Amino acid sequence: MAEQFFPYDIDGRWKALLFPLRVKETDGVTLTDDTVRATFGFWSVETSRSNVVGTAITGPHRWYTAVGLRLSFTDDGLTFGTNHQRGLCIEFATKIPKVIGPRDHSALWVSVADPDALAVALD
């Protein structure tokens, strides 16, 4: 399989909030045969594709729970959010190393431009 890249859907209303985080048009989720890598400005996560155990398309959300670098209010999930309309939650069998907060992360929510295509590619 060739490398696949899924860019974020950056909502212009939140560019001022995302600018200090250094989120760029070149950030997003990259899939290879073996890995899933998500970049979000200064931050990134990477895990094996075999560690992905499920996906769920969700949204819309309240902007303050979905835009920016966030922890989930309900679990140890991580958010790389550039809009609050729609995104994909990627669930992991083994938690990925913590990016922020006190614990490792069991899921990652990403606001890619085409969450449907990313979900299919991860299945």
N, C-alpha and C. Protein backbone atom coordinates (compact mmCIF):
# COMPACT_ATOMS: atom_id res chain seq x y z
N MET A 1 0.84 -1.19 0.00
CA MET A 1 0.00 0.00 0.00
C MET A 1 0.89 1.25 0.00
N ALA A 2 0.51 2.20 -0.78
CA ALA A 2 1.22 3.48 -0.77
C ALA A 2 0.83 4.27 0.47
N GLU A 3 1.71 5.14 0.88
CA GLU A 3 1.41 6.01 2.02
C GLU A 3 0.17 6.85 1.72
N GLN A 4 -0.70 6.98 2.71
CA GLN A 4 -1.90 7.80 2.57
C GLN A 4 -1.85 8.93 3.59
N PHE A 5 -2.23 10.13 3.15
CA PHE A 5 -2.24 11.30 4.03
C PHE A 5 -3.64 11.88 4.10
N PHE A 6 -4.10 12.14 5.32
CA PHE A 6 -5.42 12.71 5.57
C PHE A 6 -5.22 14.03 6.31
N PRO A 7 -5.33 15.17 5.59
CA PRO A 7 -5.12 16.47 6.23
C PRO A 7 -6.30 16.84 7.13
N TYR A 8 -6.03 17.78 8.02
CA TYR A 8 -7.10 18.29 8.87
C TYR A 8 -7.99 19.25 8.10
N ASP A 9 -9.22 19.35 8.54
CA ASP A 9 -10.18 20.35 8.04
C ASP A 9 -10.09 21.53 9.01
N ILE A 10 -9.26 22.51 8.63
CA ILE A 10 -9.01 23.64 9.53
C ILE A 10 -10.08 24.71 9.32
N ASP A 11 -10.88 24.92 10.34
CA ASP A 11 -11.91 25.95 10.32
C ASP A 11 -11.25 27.30 10.55
N GLY A 12 -11.45 28.22 9.61
CA GLY A 12 -10.82 29.53 9.67
C GLY A 12 -11.10 30.30 10.95
N ARG A 13 -12.25 30.05 11.58
CA ARG A 13 -12.58 30.74 12.83
C ARG A 13 -11.59 30.43 13.94
N TRP A 14 -10.89 29.31 13.86
CA TRP A 14 -10.02 28.87 14.95
C TRP A 14 -8.54 29.01 14.61
N LYS A 15 -8.21 29.66 13.49
CA LYS A 15 -6.80 29.80 13.12
C LYS A 15 -5.99 30.56 14.17
N ALA A 16 -6.56 31.57 14.78
CA ALA A 16 -5.84 32.33 15.81
C ALA A 16 -5.54 31.45 17.02
N LEU A 17 -6.43 30.54 17.35
CA LEU A 17 -6.22 29.63 18.46
C LEU A 17 -5.19 28.56 18.10
N LEU A 18 -5.18 28.13 16.84
CA LEU A 18 -4.28 27.07 16.40
C LEU A 18 -2.87 27.59 16.08
N PHE A 19 -2.75 28.87 15.76
CA PHE A 19 -1.45 29.43 15.37
C PHE A 19 -0.37 29.24 16.43
N PRO A 20 -0.62 29.55 17.71
CA PRO A 20 0.43 29.35 18.72
C PRO A 20 0.85 27.89 18.89
N LEU A 21 -0.04 26.97 18.49
CA LEU A 21 0.28 25.54 18.57
C LEU A 21 1.09 25.08 17.36
N ARG A 22 1.22 25.98 16.37
CA ARG A 22 1.96 25.74 15.12
C ARG A 22 1.31 24.66 14.24
N VAL A 23 -0.01 24.57 14.31
CA VAL A 23 -0.74 23.65 13.43
C VAL A 23 -0.73 24.23 12.02
N LYS A 24 -0.33 23.39 11.06
CA LYS A 24 -0.19 23.83 9.68
C LYS A 24 -1.02 22.96 8.74
N GLU A 25 -1.15 23.40 7.51
CA GLU A 25 -1.86 22.64 6.48
C GLU A 25 -1.19 21.29 6.22
N THR A 26 0.08 21.16 6.58
CA THR A 26 0.81 19.91 6.35
C THR A 26 0.63 18.91 7.49
N ASP A 27 -0.11 19.29 8.53
CA ASP A 27 -0.41 18.37 9.62
C ASP A 27 -1.61 17.52 9.27
N GLY A 28 -1.66 16.33 9.86
CA GLY A 28 -2.78 15.43 9.64
C GLY A 28 -2.39 14.02 10.07
N VAL A 29 -3.06 13.04 9.47
CA VAL A 29 -2.83 11.64 9.80
C VAL A 29 -2.23 10.96 8.57
N THR A 30 -1.12 10.26 8.80
CA THR A 30 -0.43 9.53 7.73
C THR A 30 -0.47 8.04 8.04
N LEU A 31 -0.90 7.26 7.05
CA LEU A 31 -0.94 5.81 7.18
C LEU A 31 0.10 5.19 6.26
N THR A 32 0.84 4.22 6.79
CA THR A 32 1.69 3.38 5.97
C THR A 32 1.21 1.95 6.16
N ASP A 33 1.90 1.00 5.56
CA ASP A 33 1.52 -0.40 5.76
C ASP A 33 1.53 -0.78 7.23
N ASP A 34 2.45 -0.19 7.98
CA ASP A 34 2.66 -0.62 9.36
C ASP A 34 2.27 0.38 10.43
N THR A 35 2.18 1.68 10.09
CA THR A 35 2.01 2.69 11.13
C THR A 35 0.86 3.66 10.87
N VAL A 36 0.43 4.26 11.97
CA VAL A 36 -0.49 5.39 11.97
C VAL A 36 0.26 6.50 12.68
N ARG A 37 0.39 7.65 12.00
CA ARG A 37 1.09 8.79 12.60
C ARG A 37 0.21 10.02 12.45
N ALA A 38 -0.03 10.71 13.57
CA ALA A 38 -0.80 11.95 13.54
C ALA A 38 0.09 13.07 14.05
N THR A 39 0.12 14.18 13.29
CA THR A 39 0.89 15.35 13.71
C THR A 39 -0.08 16.49 13.97
N PHE A 40 0.28 17.33 14.92
CA PHE A 40 -0.56 18.47 15.31
C PHE A 40 0.36 19.55 15.84
N GLY A 41 0.91 20.34 14.92
CA GLY A 41 1.85 21.37 15.33
C GLY A 41 3.07 20.76 15.99
N PHE A 42 3.35 21.18 17.24
CA PHE A 42 4.51 20.68 17.98
C PHE A 42 4.39 19.22 18.39
N TRP A 43 3.20 18.63 18.34
CA TRP A 43 2.95 17.31 18.90
C TRP A 43 2.71 16.27 17.81
N SER A 44 3.02 15.02 18.14
CA SER A 44 2.73 13.92 17.23
C SER A 44 2.58 12.64 18.05
N VAL A 45 1.86 11.70 17.47
CA VAL A 45 1.74 10.35 18.04
C VAL A 45 1.94 9.36 16.90
N GLU A 46 2.44 8.21 17.26
CA GLU A 46 2.63 7.15 16.27
C GLU A 46 2.41 5.81 16.94
N THR A 47 1.74 4.92 16.24
CA THR A 47 1.50 3.58 16.74
C THR A 47 1.41 2.64 15.55
N SER A 48 1.42 1.35 15.82
CA SER A 48 1.28 0.38 14.75
C SER A 48 -0.18 0.31 14.31
N ARG A 49 -0.38 -0.01 13.05
CA ARG A 49 -1.76 -0.16 12.56
C ARG A 49 -2.48 -1.28 13.29
N SER A 50 -1.74 -2.30 13.69
CA SER A 50 -2.36 -3.42 14.40
C SER A 50 -2.87 -3.02 15.78
N ASN A 51 -2.44 -1.87 16.29
CA ASN A 51 -2.91 -1.37 17.58
C ASN A 51 -4.28 -0.71 17.49
N VAL A 52 -4.74 -0.40 16.29
CA VAL A 52 -6.06 0.23 16.10
C VAL A 52 -7.13 -0.86 16.18
N VAL A 53 -8.07 -0.70 17.11
CA VAL A 53 -9.11 -1.71 17.30
C VAL A 53 -10.51 -1.21 16.94
N GLY A 54 -10.63 0.06 16.63
CA GLY A 54 -11.94 0.58 16.25
C GLY A 54 -11.89 2.05 15.90
N THR A 55 -12.93 2.49 15.19
CA THR A 55 -13.06 3.90 14.84
C THR A 55 -14.54 4.29 14.97
N ALA A 56 -14.76 5.57 15.19
CA ALA A 56 -16.13 6.09 15.24
C ALA A 56 -16.12 7.54 14.76
N ILE A 57 -16.98 7.82 13.80
CA ILE A 57 -17.15 9.20 13.33
C ILE A 57 -18.09 9.90 14.28
N THR A 58 -17.66 11.06 14.77
CA THR A 58 -18.48 11.80 15.73
C THR A 58 -18.55 13.27 15.37
N GLY A 59 -19.52 13.94 15.93
CA GLY A 59 -19.70 15.37 15.74
C GLY A 59 -21.14 15.65 15.35
N PRO A 60 -21.54 16.89 15.43
CA PRO A 60 -20.75 18.03 15.89
C PRO A 60 -20.59 18.04 17.41
N HIS A 61 -19.58 18.78 17.84
CA HIS A 61 -19.26 18.93 19.25
C HIS A 61 -19.26 20.42 19.61
N ARG A 62 -19.26 20.72 20.89
CA ARG A 62 -19.05 22.10 21.31
C ARG A 62 -17.61 22.46 20.98
N TRP A 63 -17.40 23.68 20.49
CA TRP A 63 -16.05 24.05 20.03
C TRP A 63 -15.02 23.90 21.12
N TYR A 64 -15.37 24.22 22.36
CA TYR A 64 -14.39 24.20 23.44
C TYR A 64 -14.03 22.79 23.89
N THR A 65 -14.71 21.78 23.38
CA THR A 65 -14.32 20.40 23.67
C THR A 65 -13.63 19.74 22.48
N ALA A 66 -13.60 20.42 21.33
CA ALA A 66 -13.09 19.77 20.12
C ALA A 66 -11.97 20.51 19.40
N VAL A 67 -11.75 21.77 19.69
CA VAL A 67 -10.75 22.53 18.95
C VAL A 67 -9.50 22.70 19.81
N GLY A 68 -8.36 22.35 19.22
CA GLY A 68 -7.09 22.49 19.90
C GLY A 68 -6.54 21.15 20.35
N LEU A 69 -5.56 21.21 21.20
CA LEU A 69 -4.96 20.03 21.82
C LEU A 69 -5.69 19.83 23.14
N ARG A 70 -6.41 18.73 23.26
CA ARG A 70 -7.31 18.54 24.40
C ARG A 70 -7.26 17.12 24.94
N LEU A 71 -7.63 16.99 26.19
CA LEU A 71 -7.93 15.69 26.80
C LEU A 71 -9.43 15.55 26.86
N SER A 72 -9.92 14.33 26.75
CA SER A 72 -11.34 14.06 26.90
C SER A 72 -11.77 14.31 28.33
N PHE A 73 -12.98 14.82 28.50
CA PHE A 73 -13.53 15.02 29.84
C PHE A 73 -13.96 13.69 30.47
N THR A 74 -14.21 12.68 29.65
CA THR A 74 -14.78 11.44 30.16
C THR A 74 -13.79 10.28 30.28
N ASP A 75 -12.67 10.35 29.55
CA ASP A 75 -11.70 9.27 29.63
C ASP A 75 -10.30 9.83 29.38
N ASP A 76 -9.38 8.99 28.98
CA ASP A 76 -8.00 9.42 28.76
C ASP A 76 -7.71 9.71 27.28
N GLY A 77 -8.75 9.93 26.50
CA GLY A 77 -8.58 10.20 25.08
C GLY A 77 -7.92 11.54 24.81
N LEU A 78 -7.26 11.63 23.67
CA LEU A 78 -6.55 12.82 23.23
C LEU A 78 -7.25 13.38 22.00
N THR A 79 -7.30 14.70 21.89
CA THR A 79 -7.90 15.37 20.73
C THR A 79 -6.87 16.21 20.01
N PHE A 80 -6.79 16.02 18.68
CA PHE A 80 -6.08 16.90 17.77
C PHE A 80 -7.18 17.54 16.92
N GLY A 81 -7.73 18.67 17.37
CA GLY A 81 -8.91 19.23 16.75
C GLY A 81 -8.69 20.56 16.06
N THR A 82 -9.18 20.66 14.82
CA THR A 82 -9.09 21.89 14.05
C THR A 82 -10.46 22.44 13.67
N ASN A 83 -11.51 21.71 14.03
CA ASN A 83 -12.88 22.18 13.87
C ASN A 83 -13.75 21.38 14.83
N HIS A 84 -14.97 21.79 15.00
CA HIS A 84 -15.85 21.09 15.94
C HIS A 84 -17.02 20.39 15.26
N GLN A 85 -17.00 20.35 13.94
CA GLN A 85 -18.13 19.78 13.21
C GLN A 85 -18.12 18.26 13.14
N ARG A 86 -16.95 17.70 12.81
CA ARG A 86 -16.91 16.26 12.54
C ARG A 86 -15.47 15.77 12.62
N GLY A 87 -15.30 14.54 13.11
CA GLY A 87 -13.98 13.96 13.18
C GLY A 87 -14.06 12.47 13.41
N LEU A 88 -12.89 11.85 13.56
CA LEU A 88 -12.82 10.41 13.73
C LEU A 88 -12.12 10.09 15.04
N CYS A 89 -12.76 9.26 15.85
CA CYS A 89 -12.15 8.74 17.07
C CYS A 89 -11.49 7.41 16.71
N ILE A 90 -10.20 7.30 17.00
CA ILE A 90 -9.44 6.08 16.73
C ILE A 90 -9.13 5.44 18.09
N GLU A 91 -9.58 4.20 18.27
CA GLU A 91 -9.39 3.50 19.54
C GLU A 91 -8.22 2.53 19.44
N PHE A 92 -7.45 2.41 20.53
CA PHE A 92 -6.25 1.59 20.55
C PHE A 92 -6.38 0.43 21.52
N ALA A 93 -5.79 -0.72 21.15
CA ALA A 93 -5.75 -1.88 22.04
C ALA A 93 -4.81 -1.61 23.20
N THR A 94 -3.63 -1.09 22.89
CA THR A 94 -2.65 -0.70 23.89
C THR A 94 -2.53 0.81 23.87
N LYS A 95 -2.64 1.42 25.02
CA LYS A 95 -2.60 2.89 25.07
C LYS A 95 -1.31 3.43 24.46
N ILE A 96 -1.45 4.58 23.79
CA ILE A 96 -0.28 5.26 23.25
C ILE A 96 0.32 6.15 24.33
N PRO A 97 1.63 6.42 24.25
CA PRO A 97 2.26 7.25 25.30
C PRO A 97 1.62 8.62 25.41
N LYS A 98 1.52 9.10 26.64
CA LYS A 98 0.85 10.38 26.89
C LYS A 98 1.53 11.52 26.14
N VAL A 99 0.70 12.41 25.65
CA VAL A 99 1.15 13.64 25.01
C VAL A 99 0.96 14.79 25.99
N ILE A 100 -0.19 14.81 26.62
CA ILE A 100 -0.50 15.77 27.69
C ILE A 100 -1.28 15.03 28.76
N GLY A 101 -1.32 15.59 29.94
CA GLY A 101 -2.08 14.99 31.03
C GLY A 101 -1.29 13.93 31.76
N PRO A 102 -1.92 13.30 32.75
CA PRO A 102 -1.21 12.37 33.62
C PRO A 102 -1.12 10.93 33.12
N ARG A 103 -1.94 10.56 32.09
CA ARG A 103 -2.03 9.15 31.70
C ARG A 103 -1.79 8.97 30.21
N ASP A 104 -1.45 7.74 29.83
CA ASP A 104 -1.38 7.38 28.42
C ASP A 104 -2.80 7.44 27.83
N HIS A 105 -2.89 7.41 26.50
CA HIS A 105 -4.16 7.64 25.81
C HIS A 105 -4.70 6.37 25.14
N SER A 106 -5.97 6.07 25.40
CA SER A 106 -6.61 4.89 24.79
C SER A 106 -7.29 5.22 23.47
N ALA A 107 -7.38 6.51 23.13
CA ALA A 107 -8.03 6.91 21.88
C ALA A 107 -7.49 8.27 21.44
N LEU A 108 -7.65 8.54 20.15
CA LEU A 108 -7.26 9.81 19.56
C LEU A 108 -8.40 10.28 18.66
N TRP A 109 -8.87 11.51 18.88
CA TRP A 109 -9.88 12.11 18.01
C TRP A 109 -9.18 13.11 17.11
N VAL A 110 -9.40 12.96 15.79
CA VAL A 110 -8.77 13.84 14.81
C VAL A 110 -9.84 14.42 13.90
N SER A 111 -9.74 15.71 13.63
CA SER A 111 -10.73 16.39 12.77
C SER A 111 -10.21 16.48 11.33
N VAL A 112 -9.97 15.31 10.74
CA VAL A 112 -9.50 15.27 9.36
C VAL A 112 -10.62 15.69 8.41
N ALA A 113 -10.22 16.12 7.21
CA ALA A 113 -11.19 16.59 6.23
C ALA A 113 -12.13 15.48 5.76
N ASP A 114 -11.65 14.24 5.73
CA ASP A 114 -12.48 13.12 5.27
C ASP A 114 -12.43 11.98 6.28
N PRO A 115 -13.19 12.11 7.38
CA PRO A 115 -13.15 11.06 8.40
C PRO A 115 -13.68 9.73 7.88
N ASP A 116 -14.61 9.76 6.93
CA ASP A 116 -15.14 8.50 6.36
C ASP A 116 -14.02 7.72 5.68
N ALA A 117 -13.22 8.40 4.86
CA ALA A 117 -12.14 7.73 4.13
C ALA A 117 -11.06 7.21 5.09
N LEU A 118 -10.76 7.98 6.14
CA LEU A 118 -9.77 7.52 7.12
C LEU A 118 -10.30 6.28 7.84
N ALA A 119 -11.56 6.27 8.20
CA ALA A 119 -12.14 5.10 8.87
C ALA A 119 -12.04 3.87 7.98
N VAL A 120 -12.36 4.00 6.71
CA VAL A 120 -12.27 2.87 5.77
C VAL A 120 -10.82 2.41 5.65
N ALA A 121 -9.89 3.34 5.53
CA ALA A 121 -8.48 2.99 5.38
C ALA A 121 -7.93 2.27 6.61
N LEU A 122 -8.47 2.57 7.78
CA LEU A 122 -8.00 1.93 9.01
C LEU A 122 -8.63 0.55 9.24
N ASP A 123 -9.73 0.25 8.55
CA ASP A 123 -10.39 -1.06 8.72
C ASP A 123 -9.64 -2.16 8.01
